[in-house]
Protein backbone atom coordinates (compact mmCIF):
# COMPACT_ATOMS: atom_id res chain seq x y z
CA UNK A 1 47.84 -6.62 -65.37
CA UNK A 2 44.73 -7.63 -64.19
CA UNK A 3 41.24 -5.47 -63.82
CA UNK A 4 37.87 -5.78 -63.08
CA UNK A 5 34.68 -4.64 -65.03
CA UNK A 6 31.99 -3.91 -62.39
CA UNK A 7 28.77 -4.53 -64.06
CA UNK A 8 25.04 -4.44 -63.50
CA UNK A 9 22.67 -6.12 -65.59
CA UNK A 10 24.66 -5.75 -68.46
CA UNK A 11 26.06 -2.40 -68.14
CA UNK A 12 29.36 -1.47 -67.17
CA UNK A 13 29.86 0.79 -64.20
CA UNK A 14 33.51 0.88 -63.46
CA UNK A 15 36.57 -0.14 -65.24
CA UNK A 16 39.28 -1.51 -61.84
CA UNK A 17 43.15 -2.03 -62.52
CA UNK A 18 44.49 -4.08 -59.50
CA UNK A 19 47.36 -2.67 -58.82
CA UNK A 20 47.52 -3.13 -55.39
CA UNK A 21 48.43 -6.44 -53.80
CA UNK A 22 44.85 -6.21 -51.43
CA UNK A 23 41.91 -4.81 -53.25
CA UNK A 24 38.82 -4.41 -51.18
CA UNK A 25 34.97 -4.44 -52.14
CA UNK A 26 32.07 -3.27 -50.03
CA UNK A 27 29.32 -0.52 -49.56
CA UNK A 28 31.54 1.41 -47.14
CA UNK A 29 33.73 4.29 -48.53
CA UNK A 30 36.64 3.00 -47.65
CA UNK A 31 37.04 0.33 -50.06
CA UNK A 32 39.27 0.16 -53.20
CA UNK A 33 35.50 -0.99 -55.03
CA UNK A 34 32.49 0.60 -54.05
CA UNK A 35 29.12 -1.00 -54.38
CA UNK A 36 27.09 1.22 -52.79
CA UNK A 37 23.79 -1.36 -52.20
CA UNK A 38 22.33 -2.53 -49.32
CA UNK A 39 22.61 -6.34 -50.59
CA UNK A 40 26.99 -5.74 -50.19
CA UNK A 41 27.73 -5.88 -46.63
CA UNK A 42 30.21 -2.27 -45.65
CA UNK A 43 33.65 -4.83 -45.56
CA UNK A 44 32.06 -7.43 -48.23
CA UNK A 45 35.56 -9.20 -49.90
CA UNK A 46 38.81 -8.95 -51.15
CA UNK A 47 40.90 -9.93 -53.76
CA UNK A 48 44.75 -10.93 -53.35
CA UNK A 49 47.44 -11.53 -54.92
CA UNK A 50 50.10 -14.71 -53.80
CA UNK A 51 52.52 -15.11 -55.82
CA UNK A 52 51.19 -15.81 -59.09
CA UNK A 53 48.00 -16.26 -58.26
CA UNK A 54 44.59 -14.10 -57.87
CA UNK A 55 42.31 -15.29 -55.25
CA UNK A 56 38.88 -14.33 -54.18
CA UNK A 57 38.28 -13.81 -50.55
CA UNK A 58 34.63 -13.42 -48.47
CA UNK A 59 34.84 -10.87 -45.47
CA UNK A 60 31.88 -12.80 -43.47
CA UNK A 61 29.32 -11.01 -45.21
CA UNK A 62 25.71 -11.17 -44.64
CA UNK A 63 24.80 -12.27 -48.68
CA UNK A 64 28.19 -13.90 -49.36
CA UNK A 65 29.95 -14.05 -52.79
CA UNK A 66 30.37 -16.38 -55.67
CA UNK A 67 32.31 -17.75 -57.94
CA UNK A 68 31.31 -18.70 -61.34
CA UNK A 69 27.95 -19.82 -59.15
CA UNK A 70 29.48 -21.23 -56.33
CA UNK A 71 29.04 -19.49 -52.98
CA UNK A 72 33.04 -19.75 -51.26
CA UNK A 73 35.21 -18.15 -48.41
CA UNK A 74 37.92 -18.38 -50.51
CA UNK A 75 39.44 -19.32 -54.47
CA UNK A 76 41.33 -18.98 -56.66
CA UNK A 77 40.65 -16.33 -59.81
CA UNK A 78 41.68 -17.23 -63.50
CA UNK A 79 41.37 -15.15 -66.70
CA UNK A 80 37.17 -14.62 -67.53
CA UNK A 81 35.88 -15.50 -63.89
CA UNK A 82 32.76 -13.54 -63.08
CA UNK A 83 32.46 -12.76 -59.22
CA UNK A 84 29.17 -12.43 -57.93
CA UNK A 85 28.33 -9.85 -54.91
CA UNK A 86 24.34 -8.59 -54.25
CA UNK A 87 23.38 -7.46 -57.79
CA UNK A 88 26.43 -6.79 -59.20
CA UNK A 89 28.99 -8.33 -61.64
CA UNK A 90 32.70 -8.47 -61.64
CA UNK A 91 33.91 -10.12 -64.84
CA UNK A 92 37.60 -10.34 -64.03
CA UNK A 93 40.41 -10.57 -66.61
CA UNK A 94 44.27 -11.59 -65.94
CA UNK A 95 45.72 -12.80 -68.84
CA UNK A 96 48.89 -13.05 -66.82
CA UNK A 97 48.39 -15.22 -64.07
CA UNK A 98 48.90 -18.90 -65.07
CA UNK A 99 46.28 -21.56 -66.11
CA UNK A 100 47.68 -24.61 -67.26
CA UNK A 101 45.53 -27.78 -68.98
CA UNK A 102 44.29 -29.51 -65.95
CA UNK A 103 42.49 -26.48 -64.97
CA UNK A 104 41.17 -25.69 -67.46
CA UNK A 105 39.59 -29.39 -67.59
CA UNK A 106 38.35 -28.61 -63.88
CA UNK A 107 37.43 -25.41 -64.44
CA UNK A 108 33.66 -25.78 -63.22
CA UNK A 109 34.66 -27.31 -60.12
CA UNK A 110 37.62 -26.08 -58.84
CA UNK A 111 36.75 -23.20 -56.53
CA UNK A 112 35.81 -25.89 -54.38
CA UNK A 113 39.74 -26.46 -53.78
CA UNK A 114 40.56 -23.86 -50.41
CA UNK A 115 38.48 -23.74 -47.25
CA UNK A 116 35.34 -25.16 -46.99
CA UNK A 117 33.19 -23.82 -50.58
CA UNK A 118 29.41 -25.11 -50.55
CA UNK A 119 27.97 -25.61 -54.21
CA UNK A 120 24.78 -23.51 -53.96
CA UNK A 121 21.85 -24.53 -56.59
CA UNK A 122 20.94 -22.30 -58.99
CA UNK A 123 17.28 -22.12 -57.82
CA UNK A 124 18.49 -21.25 -54.23
CA UNK A 125 21.21 -18.71 -55.55
CA UNK A 126 18.46 -16.47 -57.22
CA UNK A 127 16.05 -17.14 -53.78
CA UNK A 128 19.10 -15.96 -51.90
CA UNK A 129 19.48 -12.86 -54.09
CA UNK A 130 16.31 -12.41 -54.61
CA UNK A 131 15.88 -12.11 -50.91
CA UNK A 132 18.87 -9.46 -50.61
CA UNK A 133 17.00 -6.96 -53.66
CA UNK A 134 13.63 -6.95 -52.37
CA UNK A 135 11.81 -4.23 -52.55
CA UNK A 136 11.73 -1.15 -49.75
CA UNK A 137 7.96 -0.22 -49.00
CA UNK A 138 9.11 3.67 -48.78
CA UNK A 139 9.60 6.10 -49.87
CA UNK A 140 8.33 6.28 -53.38
CA UNK A 141 10.08 8.65 -55.64
CA UNK A 142 10.37 9.35 -59.02
CA UNK A 143 11.03 11.97 -62.10
CA UNK A 144 9.26 14.32 -64.28
CA UNK A 145 10.87 15.24 -67.75
CA UNK A 146 10.95 18.51 -67.86
CA UNK A 147 12.55 18.66 -70.99
CA UNK A 148 14.30 16.31 -73.70
CA UNK A 149 12.97 13.42 -75.49
CA UNK A 150 12.22 10.50 -73.76
CA UNK A 151 9.39 7.58 -73.78
CA UNK A 152 7.63 8.28 -70.82
CA UNK A 153 6.91 12.47 -68.83
CA UNK A 154 7.21 10.60 -65.26
CA UNK A 155 9.29 7.89 -64.37
CA UNK A 156 8.22 6.34 -60.77
CA UNK A 157 11.26 4.28 -59.50
CA UNK A 158 10.01 1.31 -57.11
CA UNK A 159 13.49 -1.15 -58.04
CA UNK A 160 16.53 -1.32 -55.41
CA UNK A 161 17.92 0.32 -58.49
CA UNK A 162 16.92 1.76 -61.75
CA UNK A 163 19.47 2.89 -64.38
CA UNK A 164 19.37 5.88 -66.99
CA UNK A 165 20.98 4.91 -70.21
CA UNK A 166 20.92 3.91 -73.75
CA UNK A 167 21.27 0.16 -72.30
CA UNK A 168 17.96 -1.99 -73.08
CA UNK A 169 16.39 -2.51 -69.19
CA UNK A 170 17.40 0.85 -67.79
CA UNK A 171 14.50 2.69 -66.14
CA UNK A 172 15.07 5.66 -68.39
CA UNK A 173 16.09 5.82 -71.40
CA UNK A 174 17.64 7.44 -72.90
CA UNK A 175 17.76 8.27 -77.52
CA UNK A 176 20.42 9.29 -79.30
CA UNK A 177 23.46 8.05 -81.35
CA UNK A 178 26.13 9.55 -78.64
CA UNK A 179 23.95 8.67 -75.64
CA UNK A 180 25.81 6.77 -73.01
CA UNK A 181 25.01 3.04 -72.61
CA UNK A 182 24.79 3.48 -68.81
CA UNK A 183 25.08 7.37 -67.41
CA UNK A 184 23.93 6.71 -64.02
CA UNK A 185 22.03 4.77 -61.39
CA UNK A 186 19.27 5.41 -58.69
CA UNK A 187 19.32 3.53 -55.62
CA UNK A 188 16.21 3.52 -53.92
CA UNK A 189 16.16 2.49 -49.71
CA UNK A 190 14.74 3.15 -46.77
CA UNK A 191 16.70 5.97 -46.37
CA UNK A 192 15.54 7.55 -49.75
CA UNK A 193 17.07 7.57 -53.38
CA UNK A 194 20.77 8.43 -54.26
CA UNK A 195 22.20 7.93 -57.51
CA UNK A 196 25.77 7.50 -58.60
CA UNK A 197 27.15 8.72 -62.16
CA UNK A 198 29.00 6.10 -64.55
CA UNK A 199 30.36 6.42 -67.92
CA UNK A 200 31.64 9.22 -69.47
CA UNK A 201 28.41 11.49 -69.86
CA UNK A 202 28.66 14.31 -67.33
CA UNK A 203 25.90 14.56 -64.90
CA UNK A 204 24.80 17.25 -62.78
CA UNK A 205 22.33 18.33 -60.13
CA UNK A 206 21.25 22.04 -59.75
CA UNK A 207 23.39 23.25 -62.30
CA UNK A 208 26.42 21.67 -61.02
CA UNK A 209 28.67 18.54 -62.00
CA UNK A 210 29.11 15.52 -59.84
CA UNK A 211 31.26 12.70 -60.35
CA UNK A 212 30.21 10.91 -56.77
CA UNK A 213 26.87 9.45 -54.98
CA UNK A 214 24.05 12.36 -55.04
CA UNK A 215 21.67 12.08 -52.35
CA UNK A 216 18.32 13.19 -53.55
CA UNK A 217 15.84 15.87 -52.46
CA UNK A 218 12.33 16.66 -53.52
CA UNK A 219 12.66 19.28 -56.34
CA UNK A 220 15.97 18.51 -57.34
CA UNK A 221 16.83 18.96 -61.19
CA UNK A 222 18.98 16.33 -63.24
CA UNK A 223 20.60 17.16 -66.01
CA UNK A 224 21.96 13.99 -68.94
CA UNK A 225 22.59 15.20 -72.22
CA UNK A 226 19.69 17.13 -73.88
CA UNK A 227 17.42 15.39 -70.66
CA UNK A 228 16.51 17.58 -68.06
CA UNK A 229 14.36 15.70 -64.45
CA UNK A 230 12.65 16.86 -61.49
CA UNK A 231 13.30 14.21 -58.75
CA UNK A 232 10.29 13.59 -56.39
CA UNK A 233 9.03 12.40 -53.31
CA UNK A 234 5.79 11.20 -52.98
CA UNK A 235 4.13 12.18 -49.42
């Protein structure tokens, strides 16, 4: 059975088993794989099983869907392919799907075979993704550390997406052997900030465990392991 690892940078956000004939991907909550980021369209793309093959199909998204650095309309997926949607990667593992010697030989160019698939130069792709992930002027918020050990006592979050975890590149770096690589993702947008738990570590807001997206409000207390943070919004 095929599966997908949804990743932000190098951290795994979610593992999805592809059990359905059609698996939808997008920002809206009615999708099977939800990527709550403004670079992602409401209904962005879908993964479809057609006979013995697996396909990725773009659903006329604003910023496009990429398969192994190629912008695609629809293309066949093979084991260890990487789909890029917005600033997230979807690593595909589907050992039971066919890939013959000729497929392997033509691995770099096969995405052009269906519909009108356009090859995007790396510099052009970077411009598209950078434009989709540009910073939002307002609001500006962050966290004050009120309990626990971290590298700083205050974290101002200006990026579109910030991570809490032990993984290199996390905005708020967790310490300790048992600290998760990724505990939560914090998204910044015009309407404000929201936090989404990731991994096995329990995330609490104002003393209550959460298992889904939460819209942060000024003064909220966020707890991850032994770390306690207070969220603030600058005037």
